Amino acid sequence: MARSSLKVPTPLAVSRAMNTLLEGSYWPATLGARDTHTRRQDDTDGQRGPDQDLSVSIGPDGDMWVVLPSSAQSLRFRTAAGGGQSLRVRNALMVLAEAIRRDNEDCPQPL
């Protein structure tokens, strides 16, 4: 959906949407297990490479992973069934993965 056709939501609509996205249990149809979504930051000054990227990965079990730039480290946020203690953060990362997917679709970045 084109951004120009979207209306500014009311504060109540934003609050309700946040509750739905952060408190709910769902799986967006556009995201798949084992998918990784990566987006280069805006202030790269022409630099390219993993230290300029943000990556969010979805594990086969639905856990969400954030890959830290300039590091081999990744952080995992588990599902409730996997003992997750940060379920809202996991849901927010799922929304972030979808946002990256949409930005990559609408405005691909050169490799």
N, C-alpha and C. Protein backbone atom coordinates (compact mmCIF):
# COMPACT_ATOMS: atom_id res chain seq x y z
N MET A 1 0.84 -1.18 0.00
CA MET A 1 0.00 0.00 0.00
C MET A 1 0.89 1.24 0.00
N ALA A 2 0.61 2.18 -0.86
CA ALA A 2 1.40 3.39 -0.96
C ALA A 2 1.24 4.24 0.29
N ARG A 3 2.35 4.81 0.75
CA ARG A 3 2.31 5.61 1.97
C ARG A 3 1.43 6.83 1.82
N SER A 4 1.36 7.41 0.65
CA SER A 4 0.59 8.63 0.46
C SER A 4 -0.91 8.42 0.65
N SER A 5 -1.38 7.19 0.53
CA SER A 5 -2.80 6.92 0.69
C SER A 5 -3.18 6.63 2.14
N LEU A 6 -2.18 6.56 3.03
CA LEU A 6 -2.45 6.28 4.42
C LEU A 6 -2.83 7.55 5.16
N LYS A 7 -3.76 7.41 6.09
CA LYS A 7 -4.17 8.54 6.92
C LYS A 7 -3.43 8.48 8.24
N VAL A 8 -3.28 9.62 8.87
CA VAL A 8 -2.62 9.69 10.17
C VAL A 8 -3.57 9.09 11.21
N PRO A 9 -3.11 8.07 11.93
CA PRO A 9 -3.99 7.45 12.92
C PRO A 9 -4.14 8.32 14.16
N THR A 10 -5.25 8.16 14.82
CA THR A 10 -5.48 8.87 16.08
C THR A 10 -4.64 8.22 17.17
N PRO A 11 -4.40 8.94 18.26
CA PRO A 11 -3.66 8.32 19.37
C PRO A 11 -4.34 7.05 19.89
N LEU A 12 -5.65 7.01 19.90
CA LEU A 12 -6.36 5.81 20.35
C LEU A 12 -6.12 4.66 19.38
N ALA A 13 -6.13 4.94 18.08
CA ALA A 13 -5.87 3.89 17.09
C ALA A 13 -4.44 3.35 17.23
N VAL A 14 -3.48 4.25 17.49
CA VAL A 14 -2.09 3.82 17.69
C VAL A 14 -2.00 2.94 18.93
N SER A 15 -2.63 3.35 20.01
CA SER A 15 -2.61 2.56 21.25
C SER A 15 -3.21 1.18 21.04
N ARG A 16 -4.32 1.11 20.35
CA ARG A 16 -4.95 -0.18 20.08
C ARG A 16 -4.08 -1.06 19.18
N ALA A 17 -3.47 -0.45 18.17
CA ALA A 17 -2.60 -1.21 17.27
C ALA A 17 -1.38 -1.74 18.03
N MET A 18 -0.81 -0.91 18.91
CA MET A 18 0.33 -1.36 19.72
C MET A 18 -0.07 -2.54 20.59
N ASN A 19 -1.23 -2.45 21.21
CA ASN A 19 -1.70 -3.56 22.05
C ASN A 19 -1.87 -4.82 21.22
N THR A 20 -2.44 -4.69 20.05
CA THR A 20 -2.64 -5.85 19.18
C THR A 20 -1.31 -6.47 18.78
N LEU A 21 -0.36 -5.63 18.37
CA LEU A 21 0.92 -6.15 17.88
C LEU A 21 1.84 -6.64 18.99
N LEU A 22 1.87 -5.95 20.11
CA LEU A 22 2.81 -6.33 21.18
C LEU A 22 2.26 -7.39 22.12
N GLU A 23 0.98 -7.42 22.32
CA GLU A 23 0.38 -8.35 23.28
C GLU A 23 -0.16 -9.61 22.63
N GLY A 24 -0.32 -9.61 21.32
CA GLY A 24 -0.96 -10.73 20.64
C GLY A 24 -0.02 -11.87 20.33
N SER A 25 -0.61 -12.93 19.84
CA SER A 25 0.13 -14.08 19.36
C SER A 25 -0.30 -14.30 17.92
N TYR A 26 0.61 -14.08 16.99
CA TYR A 26 0.27 -14.11 15.57
C TYR A 26 1.52 -14.40 14.76
N TRP A 27 1.32 -14.65 13.48
CA TRP A 27 2.43 -14.85 12.54
C TRP A 27 2.04 -14.19 11.22
N PRO A 28 2.71 -13.11 10.81
CA PRO A 28 2.39 -12.47 9.53
C PRO A 28 2.62 -13.44 8.36
N ALA A 29 1.69 -13.49 7.47
CA ALA A 29 1.77 -14.41 6.34
C ALA A 29 2.96 -14.11 5.42
N THR A 30 3.46 -12.88 5.46
CA THR A 30 4.56 -12.48 4.58
C THR A 30 5.93 -12.88 5.10
N LEU A 31 6.00 -13.34 6.34
CA LEU A 31 7.28 -13.74 6.93
C LEU A 31 7.35 -15.25 7.04
N GLY A 32 8.52 -15.79 6.80
CA GLY A 32 8.70 -17.23 6.88
C GLY A 32 9.77 -17.60 7.88
N ALA A 33 9.62 -18.78 8.45
CA ALA A 33 10.66 -19.30 9.32
C ALA A 33 11.94 -19.44 8.50
N ARG A 34 13.05 -19.19 9.15
CA ARG A 34 14.38 -19.25 8.54
C ARG A 34 14.67 -18.06 7.61
N ASP A 35 13.80 -17.05 7.60
CA ASP A 35 14.04 -15.85 6.81
C ASP A 35 14.96 -14.90 7.58
N THR A 36 15.80 -14.18 6.84
CA THR A 36 16.59 -13.09 7.41
C THR A 36 16.28 -11.84 6.60
N HIS A 37 16.02 -10.75 7.29
CA HIS A 37 15.71 -9.48 6.65
C HIS A 37 16.77 -8.48 7.08
N THR A 38 17.44 -7.90 6.09
CA THR A 38 18.57 -7.01 6.34
C THR A 38 18.35 -5.68 5.64
N ARG A 39 18.71 -4.60 6.34
CA ARG A 39 18.59 -3.26 5.77
C ARG A 39 19.80 -2.45 6.19
N ARG A 40 20.39 -1.74 5.22
CA ARG A 40 21.52 -0.87 5.48
C ARG A 40 21.02 0.42 6.11
N GLN A 41 21.76 0.92 7.09
CA GLN A 41 21.38 2.18 7.73
C GLN A 41 21.46 3.34 6.75
N ASP A 42 20.82 4.43 7.08
CA ASP A 42 20.76 5.58 6.18
C ASP A 42 22.04 6.42 6.17
N ASP A 43 22.80 6.45 7.24
CA ASP A 43 23.98 7.31 7.35
C ASP A 43 25.27 6.53 7.12
N THR A 44 25.39 5.93 5.96
CA THR A 44 26.57 5.10 5.68
C THR A 44 27.73 5.89 5.09
N ASP A 45 27.48 7.11 4.61
CA ASP A 45 28.52 7.90 3.95
C ASP A 45 29.18 7.11 2.82
N GLY A 46 28.38 6.31 2.13
CA GLY A 46 28.87 5.54 0.99
C GLY A 46 29.51 4.22 1.35
N GLN A 47 29.64 3.95 2.64
CA GLN A 47 30.25 2.69 3.06
C GLN A 47 29.24 1.55 2.94
N ARG A 48 29.78 0.38 2.65
CA ARG A 48 28.95 -0.81 2.59
C ARG A 48 29.62 -1.91 3.39
N GLY A 49 28.82 -2.83 3.86
CA GLY A 49 29.36 -3.94 4.61
C GLY A 49 28.48 -4.27 5.80
N PRO A 50 28.75 -5.39 6.44
CA PRO A 50 27.90 -5.84 7.54
C PRO A 50 27.85 -4.88 8.71
N ASP A 51 28.88 -4.04 8.87
CA ASP A 51 28.86 -3.09 9.98
C ASP A 51 27.88 -1.94 9.73
N GLN A 52 27.30 -1.87 8.54
CA GLN A 52 26.32 -0.84 8.21
C GLN A 52 24.89 -1.39 8.19
N ASP A 53 24.73 -2.68 8.45
CA ASP A 53 23.44 -3.35 8.28
C ASP A 53 22.80 -3.74 9.61
N LEU A 54 21.49 -3.77 9.59
CA LEU A 54 20.69 -4.33 10.68
C LEU A 54 20.00 -5.57 10.12
N SER A 55 20.16 -6.69 10.81
CA SER A 55 19.53 -7.93 10.36
C SER A 55 18.66 -8.50 11.46
N VAL A 56 17.50 -8.97 11.05
CA VAL A 56 16.58 -9.67 11.93
C VAL A 56 16.29 -11.01 11.27
N SER A 57 16.52 -12.08 12.02
CA SER A 57 16.30 -13.43 11.50
C SER A 57 15.20 -14.12 12.29
N ILE A 58 14.51 -15.00 11.60
CA ILE A 58 13.44 -15.79 12.22
C ILE A 58 13.90 -17.24 12.24
N GLY A 59 13.97 -17.80 13.42
CA GLY A 59 14.40 -19.18 13.55
C GLY A 59 13.32 -20.15 13.12
N PRO A 60 13.67 -21.41 12.92
CA PRO A 60 12.68 -22.41 12.51
C PRO A 60 11.61 -22.64 13.57
N ASP A 61 11.92 -22.26 14.81
CA ASP A 61 10.98 -22.42 15.92
C ASP A 61 10.21 -21.14 16.22
N GLY A 62 10.43 -20.08 15.42
CA GLY A 62 9.73 -18.81 15.63
C GLY A 62 10.47 -17.84 16.51
N ASP A 63 11.62 -18.25 17.06
CA ASP A 63 12.44 -17.31 17.82
C ASP A 63 12.93 -16.22 16.88
N MET A 64 13.10 -15.02 17.42
CA MET A 64 13.58 -13.89 16.64
C MET A 64 15.01 -13.59 17.06
N TRP A 65 15.87 -13.34 16.07
CA TRP A 65 17.28 -13.07 16.30
C TRP A 65 17.63 -11.70 15.74
N VAL A 66 18.43 -10.94 16.49
CA VAL A 66 18.99 -9.68 16.01
C VAL A 66 20.49 -9.91 15.87
N VAL A 67 21.01 -9.61 14.69
CA VAL A 67 22.45 -9.73 14.45
C VAL A 67 23.07 -8.37 14.71
N LEU A 68 24.05 -8.33 15.60
CA LEU A 68 24.69 -7.07 15.94
C LEU A 68 25.72 -6.69 14.88
N PRO A 69 25.67 -5.44 14.39
CA PRO A 69 26.65 -5.00 13.40
C PRO A 69 28.07 -5.11 13.96
N SER A 70 29.01 -5.35 13.08
CA SER A 70 30.43 -5.45 13.42
C SER A 70 30.73 -6.51 14.47
N SER A 71 29.91 -7.55 14.50
CA SER A 71 30.09 -8.58 15.52
C SER A 71 29.56 -9.90 14.99
N ALA A 72 30.12 -10.95 15.49
CA ALA A 72 29.60 -12.27 15.13
C ALA A 72 28.49 -12.67 16.09
N GLN A 73 28.15 -11.78 17.01
CA GLN A 73 27.16 -12.09 18.03
C GLN A 73 25.75 -11.81 17.52
N SER A 74 24.82 -12.66 17.94
CA SER A 74 23.41 -12.41 17.68
C SER A 74 22.66 -12.62 18.99
N LEU A 75 21.54 -11.94 19.11
CA LEU A 75 20.72 -12.00 20.32
C LEU A 75 19.40 -12.67 19.99
N ARG A 76 18.97 -13.61 20.84
CA ARG A 76 17.75 -14.37 20.58
C ARG A 76 16.66 -13.97 21.56
N PHE A 77 15.46 -13.80 21.02
CA PHE A 77 14.26 -13.55 21.80
C PHE A 77 13.28 -14.67 21.47
N ARG A 78 13.02 -15.50 22.46
CA ARG A 78 12.29 -16.75 22.25
C ARG A 78 10.77 -16.59 22.29
N THR A 79 10.11 -17.57 21.72
CA THR A 79 8.66 -17.66 21.81
C THR A 79 8.28 -18.07 23.24
N ALA A 80 7.03 -17.95 23.58
CA ALA A 80 6.55 -18.37 24.90
C ALA A 80 6.80 -19.86 25.10
N ALA A 81 6.57 -20.65 24.07
CA ALA A 81 6.76 -22.10 24.17
C ALA A 81 8.22 -22.46 24.40
N GLY A 82 9.12 -21.58 23.99
CA GLY A 82 10.54 -21.83 24.16
C GLY A 82 11.12 -21.19 25.41
N GLY A 83 10.25 -20.70 26.28
CA GLY A 83 10.70 -20.09 27.53
C GLY A 83 11.01 -18.61 27.43
N GLY A 84 10.47 -17.97 26.39
CA GLY A 84 10.73 -16.54 26.20
C GLY A 84 10.26 -15.69 27.37
N GLN A 85 11.08 -14.71 27.72
CA GLN A 85 10.75 -13.78 28.80
C GLN A 85 10.53 -12.37 28.29
N SER A 86 10.70 -12.18 26.99
CA SER A 86 10.55 -10.85 26.38
C SER A 86 9.63 -10.97 25.16
N LEU A 87 8.42 -11.40 25.41
CA LEU A 87 7.49 -11.69 24.31
C LEU A 87 7.12 -10.44 23.51
N ARG A 88 7.03 -9.31 24.18
CA ARG A 88 6.73 -8.07 23.45
C ARG A 88 7.90 -7.68 22.56
N VAL A 89 9.10 -7.85 23.05
CA VAL A 89 10.29 -7.55 22.24
C VAL A 89 10.32 -8.48 21.03
N ARG A 90 10.03 -9.75 21.23
CA ARG A 90 9.97 -10.70 20.12
C ARG A 90 8.95 -10.25 19.09
N ASN A 91 7.77 -9.85 19.55
CA ASN A 91 6.74 -9.38 18.62
C ASN A 91 7.20 -8.11 17.89
N ALA A 92 7.86 -7.20 18.61
CA ALA A 92 8.35 -5.97 17.97
C ALA A 92 9.40 -6.30 16.91
N LEU A 93 10.22 -7.30 17.16
CA LEU A 93 11.21 -7.72 16.16
C LEU A 93 10.53 -8.32 14.94
N MET A 94 9.41 -8.99 15.15
CA MET A 94 8.65 -9.52 14.01
C MET A 94 8.10 -8.36 13.17
N VAL A 95 7.62 -7.32 13.84
CA VAL A 95 7.15 -6.13 13.12
C VAL A 95 8.32 -5.46 12.40
N LEU A 96 9.48 -5.40 13.04
CA LEU A 96 10.67 -4.84 12.40
C LEU A 96 11.06 -5.64 11.16
N ALA A 97 11.02 -6.96 11.25
CA ALA A 97 11.34 -7.80 10.09
C ALA A 97 10.38 -7.49 8.94
N GLU A 98 9.12 -7.32 9.24
CA GLU A 98 8.14 -6.98 8.20
C GLU A 98 8.42 -5.60 7.63
N ALA A 99 8.79 -4.64 8.47
CA ALA A 99 9.12 -3.29 8.00
C ALA A 99 10.32 -3.33 7.06
N ILE A 100 11.35 -4.09 7.42
CA ILE A 100 12.52 -4.22 6.56
C ILE A 100 12.13 -4.88 5.25
N ARG A 101 11.32 -5.92 5.33
CA ARG A 101 10.89 -6.62 4.11
C ARG A 101 10.18 -5.65 3.18
N ARG A 102 9.28 -4.83 3.73
CA ARG A 102 8.53 -3.88 2.91
C ARG A 102 9.43 -2.80 2.32
N ASP A 103 10.35 -2.26 3.13
CA ASP A 103 11.28 -1.25 2.61
C ASP A 103 12.15 -1.84 1.51
N ASN A 104 12.61 -3.06 1.69
CA ASN A 104 13.42 -3.70 0.65
C ASN A 104 12.63 -3.93 -0.63
N GLU A 105 11.36 -4.19 -0.48
CA GLU A 105 10.48 -4.40 -1.65
C GLU A 105 10.24 -3.08 -2.36
N ASP A 106 9.94 -2.01 -1.60
CA ASP A 106 9.60 -0.71 -2.18
C ASP A 106 10.82 0.08 -2.64
N CYS A 107 11.95 -0.10 -1.94
CA CYS A 107 13.14 0.69 -2.22
C CYS A 107 14.38 -0.17 -2.01
N PRO A 108 14.65 -1.08 -2.97
CA PRO A 108 15.81 -1.98 -2.82
C PRO A 108 17.11 -1.18 -2.73
N GLN A 109 18.02 -1.69 -1.94
CA GLN A 109 19.33 -1.06 -1.80
C GLN A 109 20.35 -1.86 -2.63
N PRO A 110 21.24 -1.15 -3.31
CA PRO A 110 22.27 -1.88 -4.07
C PRO A 110 23.16 -2.67 -3.13
N LEU A 111 23.64 -3.82 -3.62
CA LEU A 111 24.52 -4.65 -2.79
C LEU A 111 25.86 -4.04 -2.57
